[in-house]
Amino acid sequence: MPTARRIERENNLSLSELVESVAKLRVSVLPDFFLDRIISVQSLTTLCKQANAKAAAGGGSLRGYSQTEVRGGNATNLAYALASLSARTRLFCIGDEFVRATTMNHPPSLQVRVIKGRPGFTAALEVPFKGRTANIMVSDVGDLVDFDGHELTSSDISALERSDCIALVNWSANEKGNQLAKRVFSLKGRKARLNFLDPADLSGAEKRIKPLKKILDTGLIDVISLNENEARILAKVLRVGITPRRYRPRDILKASASLHDALDVAVDIHTPAGSASTCDGQHAWAVAPGFVRGFVTGAGDLWDAGDVIGHLLRFTMDERLRFANACAYIYLSSGRFSPPNLSDVTRFLKVAKDQGFAYRSGLRRVTTRGPF
């Protein structure tokens, strides 16, 4: 994995010094924006019965379902989370004038470049399932479906080349995701940049996984981030093991290690129970701070934000996983659909002594390479 920055070991950083270090990071994220409508469903069985009854009667309204409309999309959520954590972030997303208006109110550390096209729309059904909350997303991916990066301008390319990290997400929804990955991950500045991929839900995209592996084999990607289901599908396609649906931490660690061996990249897996990472032959597991009932949409994007920062600032594996876990947990438990800032995360980690994380112990001071 390349060195994202010239890094000097510096122990015992204060919160202000941590903010200063993160604020020197330059992260580019692409390519999706979605308008998410989150619908709380108490029983999927009841909903289906009600819908069938309405259909048999010729139609009608299903009332009593709480709904929230929010700005969404993996790239958009990740970019806003990184900016909230103080990283200088540039979001490249597909959208229209509505998206421009929706993204006008953003953190000072975030710049938004809207690439003309039809945005995505999602109705996310959040339902209880076997003691946890599952989100079932009914999506129209808009013009993301065939975005290969040709629409990027010379100014866009220049900004991407000066980034310390390029994070490409929602690969699965993009039929030309492999072409886009080749285009942006091979840009100038590769030796000093972290290339980060979160493919999102791989179901339906299995045929594109082997071509993706060829890209991975070239060394263009440093980190791949997955949830447990994505890891299960990826391992099945690559024939490197089976992750049981009722898993234990050792099953997730095994999946992370097997995929790392098959792909030769850092493999980070986040689950409701905790997260695992395998990098350069080393393994780590960090238990989740707690279980949160209620909405879960966007939690993986918040986890990715903490993971990206942890990789760039060279946290130890244990510190990075706990930091990312905290980012996701605070988001889930807040109920506000808004990402935490660094003060929220470090305060939480200092209080959560039972998690054994001391954010001061492994941070490095960072030297900036200049603005975008």
Foldseek 3Di string as FASTA:
>chain_A
DFQLFPWDFDFQDDLVLVLVQQLQAEEEEDEAKEWEKEKEDADPVVVVVVQVVQVVVVHDDDDDIDIDIDIDDLRVLLQLQSVQQNHQYEYHYEDDVVVVVRPPDGRPSYHYHYQYWHHKYWYWYWYDDPNATDTDIDMDHTPQQACLPPSQDPVNLVSLQQHSEYEYECLQSHPNSLNNLVVSLPRHNNNNHAYEYENPDNVVVLVCLVVNLVVLVVVSHAEYEEEPNNLQSSCVSVVQDHQDPPHDPVSQQSSQVSVCVSRVHWYWYQYQQWIWIAHPRDIDTFGALDGAHDDQPSLSSQLVSLLVSCVNQVAPPLQSRRLSSQQSVCCRVVPPVHTHYSVSSQVVVVVPVVRVHDPRGTGIRGDHPDDD
